[in-house]
């Protein structure tokens, strides 16, 4: 992920690093960084790539989806009942599952969906006997296993989970809780 030159000063300051430190880490001159931040030059792709990679390294956001995914994926099939999904939520301390047929995602089911369903039904027992295919939500976003972590994080701002695929099959899942793994990579 390449940082927009217009955002460089803000990002650098948020990380608490000086132009000199960023120059040393990126292999780009301090004077060029200053000129980029002032909007005096339009940097080459290779220079912005080097600066962006240094910033990602400093921020701990370097790496790929497979580095923080959870595998194997806990999932349900369209013909499973809401009861089975609820049992998986409780047993594995999770709040969402992809709905899958083989290695392919066809939908999703979340605790939020469960709560909505239970609140709409007069009889709680009947809510848990409904088939997932009748109440499932949209498929979670899918990224390749080599996708950069910043992409995954941006998708998690709008979705409860991101599925990770390799050669067309879902091989992992990343939830907002998995972002905490980035802390361990800092030490």
Protein backbone atom coordinates (compact mmCIF):
# COMPACT_ATOMS: atom_id res chain seq x y z
CA UNK A 1 0.00 0.00 0.00
CA UNK A 2 1.52 3.28 -1.10
CA UNK A 3 0.91 6.35 1.06
CA UNK A 4 -0.47 9.40 -0.72
CA UNK A 5 2.31 12.04 -0.74
CA UNK A 6 -0.24 14.59 0.53
CA UNK A 7 -0.70 12.48 3.68
CA UNK A 8 2.98 11.86 4.38
CA UNK A 9 3.52 14.64 6.94
CA UNK A 10 0.37 13.71 8.91
CA UNK A 11 1.22 9.98 8.95
CA UNK A 12 4.85 10.62 9.92
CA UNK A 13 3.81 12.89 12.78
CA UNK A 14 1.18 10.43 14.00
CA UNK A 15 3.93 7.84 14.27
CA UNK A 16 6.12 10.31 16.15
CA UNK A 17 9.12 10.07 13.85
CA UNK A 18 11.25 12.81 12.40
CA UNK A 19 12.04 13.41 8.74
CA UNK A 20 15.61 12.36 9.51
CA UNK A 21 14.51 9.04 11.05
CA UNK A 22 12.18 8.31 8.13
CA UNK A 23 14.95 9.15 5.68
CA UNK A 24 17.33 6.72 7.36
CA UNK A 25 14.76 3.90 7.46
CA UNK A 26 13.58 4.38 3.89
CA UNK A 27 16.88 5.12 2.17
CA UNK A 28 15.45 8.38 0.80
CA UNK A 29 17.10 11.73 1.52
CA UNK A 30 15.68 13.93 4.26
CA UNK A 31 15.53 16.86 1.85
CA UNK A 32 13.34 14.86 -0.55
CA UNK A 33 10.97 13.91 2.29
CA UNK A 34 10.73 17.59 3.28
CA UNK A 35 9.99 18.58 -0.34
CA UNK A 36 7.33 15.86 -0.66
CA UNK A 37 5.66 17.00 2.55
CA UNK A 38 5.63 20.61 1.35
CA UNK A 39 4.19 19.57 -2.01
CA UNK A 40 7.18 20.93 -3.91
CA UNK A 41 7.94 17.70 -5.79
CA UNK A 42 6.01 14.82 -7.28
CA UNK A 43 8.01 11.80 -6.07
CA UNK A 44 8.66 8.74 -8.19
CA UNK A 45 6.77 5.55 -7.48
CA UNK A 46 9.92 3.79 -6.26
CA UNK A 47 10.69 6.55 -3.72
CA UNK A 48 7.13 6.60 -2.36
CA UNK A 49 7.16 2.81 -2.21
CA UNK A 50 10.37 2.86 -0.12
CA UNK A 51 8.92 5.53 2.19
CA UNK A 52 5.60 3.66 2.50
CA UNK A 53 7.33 0.37 3.30
CA UNK A 54 9.37 2.07 6.03
CA UNK A 55 6.21 3.58 7.51
CA UNK A 56 4.41 0.22 7.42
CA UNK A 57 7.35 -1.39 9.18
CA UNK A 58 7.36 1.30 11.88
CA UNK A 59 3.59 1.08 12.36
CA UNK A 60 3.59 -2.73 12.54
CA UNK A 61 1.26 -2.99 9.55
CA UNK A 62 3.60 -4.86 7.30
CA UNK A 63 2.83 -8.43 6.49
CA UNK A 64 0.12 -10.33 4.72
CA UNK A 65 -3.32 -11.70 5.49
CA UNK A 66 -2.03 -15.22 6.12
CA UNK A 67 0.18 -13.85 8.94
CA UNK A 68 -2.80 -12.98 11.14
CA UNK A 69 -5.60 -15.25 9.90
CA UNK A 70 -7.20 -17.96 12.00
CA UNK A 71 -7.29 -21.39 10.44
CA UNK A 72 -9.11 -23.73 10.11
CA UNK A 73 -12.28 -21.74 9.54
CA UNK A 74 -15.21 -22.52 11.81
CA UNK A 75 -18.18 -22.53 9.48
CA UNK A 76 -21.76 -23.66 8.94
CA UNK A 77 -23.53 -24.96 5.87
CA UNK A 78 -26.73 -23.49 4.45
CA UNK A 79 -28.71 -26.51 5.70
CA UNK A 80 -27.48 -26.22 9.30
CA UNK A 81 -29.81 -24.73 11.87
CA UNK A 82 -29.43 -21.49 13.80
CA UNK A 83 -29.01 -23.76 16.85
CA UNK A 84 -25.77 -25.17 15.40
CA UNK A 85 -24.41 -21.66 14.72
CA UNK A 86 -25.30 -20.60 18.28
CA UNK A 87 -23.48 -23.65 19.66
CA UNK A 88 -20.38 -22.76 17.62
CA UNK A 89 -20.51 -19.14 18.85
CA UNK A 90 -20.58 -20.36 22.43
CA UNK A 91 -18.10 -23.24 22.10
CA UNK A 92 -15.43 -21.25 20.22
CA UNK A 93 -16.13 -17.80 21.72
CA UNK A 94 -16.75 -16.29 18.28
CA UNK A 95 -19.41 -13.91 17.02
CA UNK A 96 -19.69 -14.81 13.33
CA UNK A 97 -19.30 -17.70 10.93
CA UNK A 98 -19.14 -17.91 7.18
CA UNK A 99 -21.78 -20.05 5.50
CA UNK A 100 -19.92 -22.39 3.18
CA UNK A 101 -20.47 -25.13 0.66
CA UNK A 102 -17.21 -27.04 0.37
CA UNK A 103 -14.42 -24.45 0.26
CA UNK A 104 -16.65 -21.70 -1.14
CA UNK A 105 -18.38 -19.01 0.92
CA UNK A 106 -22.06 -18.47 0.10
CA UNK A 107 -23.11 -16.23 3.00
CA UNK A 108 -22.55 -15.30 6.63
CA UNK A 109 -24.29 -15.57 9.99
CA UNK A 110 -23.47 -13.37 12.97
CA UNK A 111 -24.51 -12.92 16.59
CA UNK A 112 -26.22 -9.73 15.43
CA UNK A 113 -28.31 -11.83 13.00
CA UNK A 114 -29.12 -14.24 15.83
CA UNK A 115 -30.25 -11.46 18.16
CA UNK A 116 -32.44 -9.92 15.46
CA UNK A 117 -34.00 -13.30 14.68
CA UNK A 118 -34.72 -14.12 18.34
CA UNK A 119 -36.23 -10.67 18.92
CA UNK A 120 -38.55 -11.06 15.91
CA UNK A 121 -39.85 -14.50 16.87
CA UNK A 122 -42.52 -15.01 19.48
CA UNK A 123 -41.23 -18.52 20.17
CA UNK A 124 -37.48 -18.67 20.85
CA UNK A 125 -37.40 -22.41 20.18
CA UNK A 126 -38.66 -21.86 16.63
CA UNK A 127 -35.97 -19.24 16.02
CA UNK A 128 -33.24 -21.79 16.72
CA UNK A 129 -34.77 -24.40 14.42
CA UNK A 130 -34.62 -22.18 11.31
CA UNK A 131 -32.18 -23.19 8.59
CA UNK A 132 -29.21 -20.87 8.05
CA UNK A 133 -30.00 -20.56 4.33
CA UNK A 134 -33.24 -18.80 5.25
CA UNK A 135 -31.58 -16.11 7.39
CA UNK A 136 -27.97 -15.83 6.24
CA UNK A 137 -26.39 -12.50 5.34
CA UNK A 138 -24.00 -11.45 2.61
CA UNK A 139 -20.64 -13.11 2.07
CA UNK A 140 -17.78 -11.60 4.07
CA UNK A 141 -15.17 -9.87 1.89
CA UNK A 142 -12.56 -12.29 0.49
CA UNK A 143 -8.87 -11.49 0.03
CA UNK A 144 -5.95 -13.56 -1.18
CA UNK A 145 -3.55 -14.97 1.40
CA UNK A 146 -0.82 -12.60 0.18
CA UNK A 147 -2.98 -9.45 0.56
CA UNK A 148 -1.37 -6.71 2.67
CA UNK A 149 -2.57 -6.23 6.25
CA UNK A 150 -3.58 -2.57 5.67
CA UNK A 151 -6.09 -3.77 3.05
CA UNK A 152 -7.55 -6.27 5.51
CA UNK A 153 -7.83 -3.61 8.22
CA UNK A 154 -9.65 -1.26 5.87
CA UNK A 155 -12.17 -4.03 5.06
CA UNK A 156 -12.69 -4.74 8.77
CA UNK A 157 -13.83 -1.15 9.24
CA UNK A 158 -16.99 -2.15 7.34
CA UNK A 159 -17.31 -5.89 7.91
CA UNK A 160 -17.18 -8.17 10.92
CA UNK A 161 -14.78 -10.57 9.20
CA UNK A 162 -12.62 -11.05 6.12
CA UNK A 163 -12.13 -14.46 4.54
CA UNK A 164 -8.71 -15.46 3.25
CA UNK A 165 -8.49 -17.59 0.12
CA UNK A 166 -5.76 -19.51 -1.61
CA UNK A 167 -6.31 -20.87 -5.11
CA UNK A 168 -10.06 -20.28 -4.85
CA UNK A 169 -10.61 -22.04 -1.52
CA UNK A 170 -11.22 -20.28 1.79
CA UNK A 171 -8.30 -21.19 4.07
CA UNK A 172 -8.66 -18.67 6.90
CA UNK A 173 -10.68 -15.93 8.51
CA UNK A 174 -9.64 -12.62 10.03
CA UNK A 175 -11.89 -10.87 12.54
CA UNK A 176 -11.44 -7.63 14.41
CA UNK A 177 -10.06 -9.67 17.32
CA UNK A 178 -7.27 -11.00 15.07
CA UNK A 179 -5.97 -7.47 14.62
CA UNK A 180 -4.74 -7.80 18.23
CA UNK A 181 -2.13 -10.24 16.89
CA UNK A 182 -0.36 -7.19 15.46
CA UNK A 183 0.60 -6.20 19.04
CA UNK A 184 2.56 -9.44 19.51
CA UNK A 185 4.45 -8.78 16.28
CA UNK A 186 5.69 -5.46 17.72
CA UNK A 187 7.86 -7.14 20.36
